[in-house]
Amino acid sequence: MGVFVFLPLVLPLTALPIARLAEQHLHPRGAALLLTFVSAVLAACSTFCLGLLMVVGTAQLPGNPLPDSWSDPEVRDAVPYDEVAGKTAIVALVAVVLACAHTVRRHVRFRSRAHRALAGLPPDEVAVLDDGLPYAYALPGSPGRIVVSAGMLSCLNAGEREALLAHERAHLTGRHHLLLLAARLAGCANPFLLPLRAAVAYSTERWADEAAAQATGDRRTTARAVGKAALFARPAPPPGMAAFASAGPVPRRVAALLGPVPPRRNWPPALTRAGIAAYVAAAGTAASTMSALNSAAALFLVLEAATPL
């Protein structure tokens, strides 16, 4: 197993260059899916290797439920600095589990509370709340609904309201809440992946912006709707939900809508900065996966040899 067990903990750094470049050189849909996939795989490998280190560390603790032979020197030698690394991994893995559980709990709790608040309204796709505060967000569920306040609708004209609804509909159709949740959990699993979480949030907003512009046939009206909503919207969006004017840097979104339609490609050309960054991220992801599998296989063989039949 050796030092390779530590690689998945630091290989997420290879994905950082693609975070901003994907936003600039890929279609938002491709950028969101690529960054989410890379985040999820790197986070899974990182957490898995913490689990392997924890096995070694736990085996040394008195009163542990593992077989006594798992604490043999042969097992400890499979991990460099086994005493420090193993016990540190226990603390780190507990922190990861608690952070992920807290994130999922907040997400589920808000969805449940929001659906209960809409229980008395007609079961239409668009739920208009009699609230003077301007806000709008996509609420996933079965079926998903678009929640918008009367205050937000009063800030926009007819064309801008159409863009707003098309934007939120794109969030529901694309199941962006799952991408956002996966990116948030990846950031909980490994702090090196936090920049990818922000990039996924921005890419999903840009994806919905482009879908709204295509649905309305007017990029300028969509840009104006995004800008106006940002001026009037309340400061804090609902936690874990895709909000029309709060997620992602609004000036960059408006500037992108006023520019040309983004390219449809989901992977950048090889001989460009974005292409090189994408291949580095792909190589890091593959190396992280192989390191995790190699470490798991090595530890399994060592434990099997140390455990009597």
Protein backbone atom coordinates (compact mmCIF):
# COMPACT_ATOMS: atom_id res chain seq x y z
CA MET A 1 0.00 0.00 0.00
CA GLY A 2 2.78 2.40 0.98
CA VAL A 3 2.58 6.11 0.36
CA PHE A 4 0.04 5.55 -2.43
CA VAL A 5 -2.69 5.47 0.20
CA PHE A 6 -2.14 9.19 0.78
CA LEU A 7 -2.42 10.19 -2.89
CA PRO A 8 -6.25 10.40 -3.06
CA LEU A 9 -6.12 12.91 -0.21
CA VAL A 10 -4.06 15.42 -2.21
CA LEU A 11 -4.89 14.55 -5.85
CA PRO A 12 -8.03 16.78 -5.73
CA LEU A 13 -5.55 19.65 -6.20
CA THR A 14 -5.16 18.51 -9.83
CA ALA A 15 -8.81 19.43 -10.48
CA LEU A 16 -8.53 23.06 -9.36
CA PRO A 17 -7.26 24.51 -12.69
CA ILE A 18 -10.30 23.19 -14.57
CA ALA A 19 -12.77 24.82 -12.18
CA ARG A 20 -12.59 28.32 -13.67
CA LEU A 21 -11.49 27.33 -17.17
CA ALA A 22 -14.48 25.02 -17.64
CA GLU A 23 -16.80 27.94 -16.93
CA GLN A 24 -15.13 29.96 -19.68
CA HIS A 25 -14.60 27.38 -22.42
CA LEU A 26 -17.35 24.77 -22.08
CA HIS A 27 -21.08 24.89 -22.40
CA PRO A 28 -22.49 25.35 -18.87
CA ARG A 29 -24.22 21.97 -19.05
CA GLY A 30 -20.96 20.19 -19.86
CA ALA A 31 -19.05 22.18 -17.24
CA ALA A 32 -21.57 21.37 -14.50
CA LEU A 33 -21.63 17.64 -15.29
CA LEU A 34 -17.85 17.38 -15.67
CA LEU A 35 -17.06 19.23 -12.45
CA THR A 36 -19.66 17.29 -10.48
CA PHE A 37 -18.35 13.95 -11.75
CA VAL A 38 -14.75 14.86 -10.94
CA SER A 39 -15.74 16.13 -7.48
CA ALA A 40 -17.75 13.03 -6.65
CA VAL A 41 -15.06 10.56 -7.74
CA LEU A 42 -12.23 12.40 -5.99
CA ALA A 43 -14.27 12.78 -2.81
CA ALA A 44 -15.24 9.09 -2.82
CA CYS A 45 -11.61 8.01 -3.27
CA SER A 46 -10.46 10.40 -0.55
CA THR A 47 -13.05 9.14 1.92
CA PHE A 48 -12.35 5.52 1.01
CA CYS A 49 -8.66 5.92 1.75
CA LEU A 50 -9.44 7.59 5.08
CA GLY A 51 -11.42 4.45 5.83
CA LEU A 52 -8.42 2.25 4.99
CA LEU A 53 -6.19 4.31 7.24
CA MET A 54 -8.81 4.13 9.98
CA VAL A 55 -8.75 0.33 9.86
CA VAL A 56 -5.04 0.39 10.59
CA GLY A 57 -5.43 3.04 13.28
CA THR A 58 -8.41 1.37 14.95
CA ALA A 59 -6.66 -1.98 15.08
CA GLN A 60 -4.09 -0.46 17.47
CA LEU A 61 -6.65 0.83 19.97
CA PRO A 62 -7.31 -1.30 23.06
CA GLY A 63 -10.75 -2.84 23.18
CA ASN A 64 -11.40 -2.55 19.43
CA PRO A 65 -13.74 -5.15 17.90
CA LEU A 66 -11.29 -6.12 15.15
CA PRO A 67 -9.25 -9.34 15.22
CA ASP A 68 -6.09 -9.02 17.31
CA SER A 69 -3.97 -10.14 14.36
CA TRP A 70 -4.91 -6.93 12.50
CA SER A 71 -2.65 -4.98 14.83
CA ASP A 72 0.36 -7.12 13.99
CA PRO A 73 3.52 -5.31 12.80
CA GLU A 74 2.95 -6.75 9.32
CA VAL A 75 -0.33 -4.85 9.08
CA ARG A 76 1.06 -1.63 10.56
CA ASP A 77 4.02 -1.72 8.16
CA ALA A 78 1.58 -1.50 5.24
CA VAL A 79 1.02 2.17 6.06
CA PRO A 80 3.88 4.67 6.51
CA TYR A 81 3.73 6.45 9.87
CA ASP A 82 0.91 4.09 10.76
CA GLU A 83 0.47 5.25 14.35
CA VAL A 84 -0.03 8.92 13.53
CA ALA A 85 -1.80 8.41 10.18
CA GLY A 86 -4.19 5.77 11.47
CA LYS A 87 -5.34 7.68 14.52
CA THR A 88 -5.58 10.98 12.64
CA ALA A 89 -7.72 9.26 10.00
CA ILE A 90 -10.22 8.26 12.69
CA VAL A 91 -10.77 11.89 13.66
CA ALA A 92 -10.85 13.03 10.02
CA LEU A 93 -13.35 10.37 8.97
CA VAL A 94 -15.65 11.20 11.88
CA ALA A 95 -15.50 14.87 10.86
CA VAL A 96 -16.35 13.97 7.25
CA VAL A 97 -19.32 11.84 8.29
CA LEU A 98 -20.67 14.54 10.61
CA ALA A 99 -20.26 17.30 8.00
CA CYS A 100 -21.97 15.23 5.30
CA ALA A 101 -24.79 14.24 7.64
CA HIS A 102 -25.34 17.89 8.59
CA THR A 103 -25.44 18.92 4.92
CA VAL A 104 -27.95 16.22 3.98
CA ARG A 105 -30.06 16.99 7.04
CA ARG A 106 -30.27 20.69 6.16
CA HIS A 107 -31.16 19.87 2.57
CA VAL A 108 -33.91 17.40 3.50
CA ARG A 109 -35.26 19.57 6.30
CA PHE A 110 -35.63 22.62 4.07
CA ARG A 111 -37.33 20.61 1.32
CA SER A 112 -39.77 19.11 3.80
CA ARG A 113 -40.53 22.47 5.37
CA ALA A 114 -41.01 24.12 1.99
CA HIS A 115 -43.37 21.40 0.75
CA ARG A 116 -45.42 21.66 3.93
CA ALA A 117 -45.70 25.43 3.43
CA LEU A 118 -47.13 24.83 -0.07
CA ALA A 119 -49.61 22.19 1.06
CA GLY A 120 -52.59 24.56 1.01
CA LEU A 121 -51.88 25.98 -2.46
CA PRO A 122 -53.22 24.60 -5.76
CA PRO A 123 -50.99 21.79 -7.10
CA ASP A 124 -49.73 23.87 -10.03
CA GLU A 125 -46.18 23.90 -11.33
CA VAL A 126 -45.76 27.51 -10.19
CA ALA A 127 -46.55 28.31 -6.55
CA VAL A 128 -46.94 32.05 -5.96
CA LEU A 129 -46.55 33.05 -2.33
CA ASP A 130 -48.17 36.20 -1.03
CA ASP A 131 -44.92 37.65 0.24
CA GLY A 132 -43.55 41.13 -0.41
CA LEU A 133 -39.94 39.90 -0.24
CA PRO A 134 -38.59 39.20 -3.75
CA TYR A 135 -37.33 35.64 -4.23
CA ALA A 136 -37.69 32.66 -6.54
CA TYR A 137 -36.28 29.16 -6.44
CA ALA A 138 -36.82 25.65 -7.78
CA LEU A 139 -38.16 23.21 -5.21
CA PRO A 140 -37.45 19.59 -6.24
CA GLY A 141 -39.91 16.85 -5.41
CA SER A 142 -42.51 14.60 -6.96
CA PRO A 143 -43.43 16.68 -8.78
CA GLY A 144 -41.01 19.59 -8.49
CA ARG A 145 -42.43 23.08 -8.22
CA ILE A 146 -41.32 26.63 -8.89
CA VAL A 147 -41.70 28.84 -5.84
CA VAL A 148 -41.89 32.58 -6.51
CA SER A 149 -43.04 35.43 -4.33
CA ALA A 150 -45.51 38.14 -5.34
CA GLY A 151 -42.76 40.61 -4.52
CA MET A 152 -40.47 39.11 -7.17
CA LEU A 153 -43.19 39.04 -9.82
CA SER A 154 -43.98 42.70 -9.19
CA CYS A 155 -40.35 43.62 -9.94
CA LEU A 156 -40.38 42.11 -13.43
CA ASN A 157 -42.33 42.73 -16.61
CA ALA A 158 -44.07 39.98 -18.58
CA GLY A 159 -41.03 38.97 -20.66
CA GLU A 160 -38.76 38.92 -17.62
CA ARG A 161 -41.25 36.82 -15.66
CA GLU A 162 -41.26 34.32 -18.54
CA ALA A 163 -37.46 34.17 -18.37
CA LEU A 164 -37.58 33.66 -14.61
CA LEU A 165 -39.98 30.72 -14.89
CA ALA A 166 -37.99 29.17 -17.74
CA HIS A 167 -34.84 29.50 -15.63
CA GLU A 168 -36.35 27.72 -12.64
CA ARG A 169 -37.95 25.09 -14.89
CA ALA A 170 -34.49 24.32 -16.26
CA HIS A 171 -33.26 23.73 -12.70
CA LEU A 172 -36.00 21.16 -12.16
CA THR A 173 -35.56 19.48 -15.55
CA GLY A 174 -31.79 19.25 -15.17
CA ARG A 175 -32.09 18.03 -11.55
CA HIS A 176 -29.56 20.62 -10.54
CA HIS A 177 -30.29 20.08 -6.85
CA LEU A 178 -28.57 16.69 -7.10
CA LEU A 179 -25.48 18.22 -8.70
CA LEU A 180 -25.35 20.93 -6.04
CA LEU A 181 -25.79 18.41 -3.23
CA ALA A 182 -23.07 16.14 -4.66
CA ALA A 183 -20.67 19.09 -4.92
CA ARG A 184 -21.46 20.19 -1.36
CA LEU A 185 -20.84 16.67 -0.02
CA ALA A 186 -17.57 16.48 -1.96
CA GLY A 187 -16.46 19.72 -0.32
CA CYS A 188 -17.31 18.23 3.08
CA ALA A 189 -15.26 15.13 2.28
CA ASN A 190 -12.16 17.01 1.16
CA PRO A 191 -11.56 20.79 1.60
CA PHE A 192 -9.45 20.82 -1.58
CA LEU A 193 -12.71 20.33 -3.51
CA LEU A 194 -14.41 23.47 -2.16
CA PRO A 195 -13.49 25.56 -5.25
CA LEU A 196 -15.25 22.98 -7.43
CA ARG A 197 -18.39 23.37 -5.35
CA ALA A 198 -18.52 27.08 -6.19
CA ALA A 199 -17.84 26.31 -9.85
CA VAL A 200 -20.68 23.77 -9.98
CA ALA A 201 -23.08 26.31 -8.43
CA TYR A 202 -22.12 28.91 -11.02
CA SER A 203 -22.30 26.42 -13.93
CA THR A 204 -25.79 25.25 -12.98
CA GLU A 205 -26.98 28.87 -12.88
CA ARG A 206 -25.43 29.52 -16.28
CA TRP A 207 -27.01 26.32 -17.60
CA ALA A 208 -30.42 27.55 -16.46
CA ASP A 209 -29.71 31.03 -17.86
CA GLU A 210 -28.96 29.60 -21.29
CA ALA A 211 -32.05 27.38 -21.15
CA ALA A 212 -34.18 30.42 -20.29
CA ALA A 213 -32.64 32.45 -23.10
CA GLN A 214 -33.34 29.65 -25.55
CA ALA A 215 -36.92 29.21 -24.30
CA THR A 216 -37.74 32.92 -24.53
CA GLY A 217 -35.66 33.54 -27.64
CA ASP A 218 -34.30 36.74 -26.11
CA ARG A 219 -30.91 36.73 -24.39
CA ARG A 220 -31.11 40.44 -23.55
CA THR A 221 -34.44 40.08 -21.74
CA THR A 222 -33.08 37.12 -19.78
CA ALA A 223 -29.98 39.12 -18.83
CA ARG A 224 -32.17 42.01 -17.73
CA ALA A 225 -34.32 39.68 -15.63
CA VAL A 226 -31.23 38.24 -13.89
CA GLY A 227 -29.87 41.72 -13.20
CA LYS A 228 -33.15 43.16 -11.93
CA ALA A 229 -33.86 40.16 -9.73
CA ALA A 230 -30.38 40.47 -8.19
CA LEU A 231 -31.04 44.11 -7.32
CA PHE A 232 -34.29 43.35 -5.52
CA ALA A 233 -33.77 39.83 -4.17
CA ARG A 234 -33.29 39.21 -0.48
CA PRO A 235 -29.64 38.63 0.52
CA ALA A 236 -29.84 34.97 1.60
CA PRO A 237 -31.13 32.27 -0.77
CA PRO A 238 -32.80 29.16 0.64
CA PRO A 239 -30.09 26.70 1.74
CA GLY A 240 -29.29 24.05 -0.84
CA MET A 241 -31.75 25.32 -3.45
CA ALA A 242 -31.04 26.89 -6.83
CA ALA A 243 -32.08 30.53 -6.54
CA PHE A 244 -32.68 32.77 -9.55
CA ALA A 245 -30.55 35.76 -8.56
CA SER A 246 -28.41 34.63 -5.66
CA ALA A 247 -26.23 31.72 -6.80
CA GLY A 248 -23.14 32.59 -8.78
CA PRO A 249 -21.61 36.00 -9.56
CA VAL A 250 -24.49 37.89 -11.16
CA PRO A 251 -22.35 40.36 -13.18
CA ARG A 252 -20.56 37.46 -14.89
CA ARG A 253 -23.88 35.78 -15.65
CA VAL A 254 -25.30 38.96 -17.15
CA ALA A 255 -22.14 39.54 -19.20
CA ALA A 256 -22.29 35.96 -20.51
CA LEU A 257 -25.92 36.38 -21.55
CA LEU A 258 -25.10 39.60 -23.39
CA GLY A 259 -22.30 37.81 -25.24
CA PRO A 260 -22.46 35.08 -27.89
CA VAL A 261 -24.10 31.71 -27.31
CA PRO A 262 -21.55 29.39 -25.62
CA PRO A 263 -20.12 26.51 -27.67
CA ARG A 264 -22.00 23.22 -27.48
CA ARG A 265 -18.88 21.16 -26.77
CA ASN A 266 -18.63 19.26 -23.48
CA TRP A 267 -14.84 18.80 -23.67
CA PRO A 268 -12.33 21.52 -24.62
CA PRO A 269 -9.82 21.14 -27.49
CA ALA A 270 -6.65 19.41 -26.37
CA LEU A 271 -4.14 22.13 -27.29
CA THR A 272 -5.70 24.87 -25.15
CA ARG A 273 -5.34 25.88 -21.53
CA ALA A 274 -8.78 24.50 -20.77
CA GLY A 275 -7.96 21.26 -22.60
CA ILE A 276 -4.70 20.76 -20.71
CA ALA A 277 -6.44 21.50 -17.41
CA ALA A 278 -9.21 19.04 -18.28
CA TYR A 279 -6.71 16.28 -19.05
CA VAL A 280 -4.78 17.03 -15.84
CA ALA A 281 -8.03 16.77 -13.88
CA ALA A 282 -8.91 13.53 -15.68
CA ALA A 283 -5.44 12.12 -14.97
CA GLY A 284 -5.70 13.10 -11.32
CA THR A 285 -9.11 11.49 -11.05
CA ALA A 286 -7.88 8.28 -12.68
CA ALA A 287 -4.75 8.23 -10.51
CA SER A 288 -6.86 8.77 -7.38
CA THR A 289 -9.15 5.90 -8.33
CA MET A 290 -6.25 3.56 -9.10
CA SER A 291 -4.46 4.51 -5.86
CA ALA A 292 -7.59 3.81 -3.83
CA LEU A 293 -8.12 0.44 -5.50
CA ASN A 294 -4.45 -0.48 -5.19
CA SER A 295 -4.38 0.45 -1.50
CA ALA A 296 -7.57 -1.50 -0.83
CA ALA A 297 -6.22 -4.59 -2.58
CA ALA A 298 -2.88 -4.36 -0.76
CA LEU A 299 -4.49 -3.93 2.65
CA PHE A 300 -6.91 -6.78 1.95
CA LEU A 301 -4.05 -9.13 1.11
CA VAL A 302 -2.09 -8.09 4.20
CA LEU A 303 -5.13 -8.50 6.48
CA GLU A 304 -5.96 -11.85 4.91
CA ALA A 305 -2.44 -13.06 5.52
CA ALA A 306 -2.46 -11.79 9.10
CA THR A 307 -5.87 -13.27 9.95
CA PRO A 308 -5.80 -16.96 10.83
CA LEU A 309 -8.28 -19.25 9.11
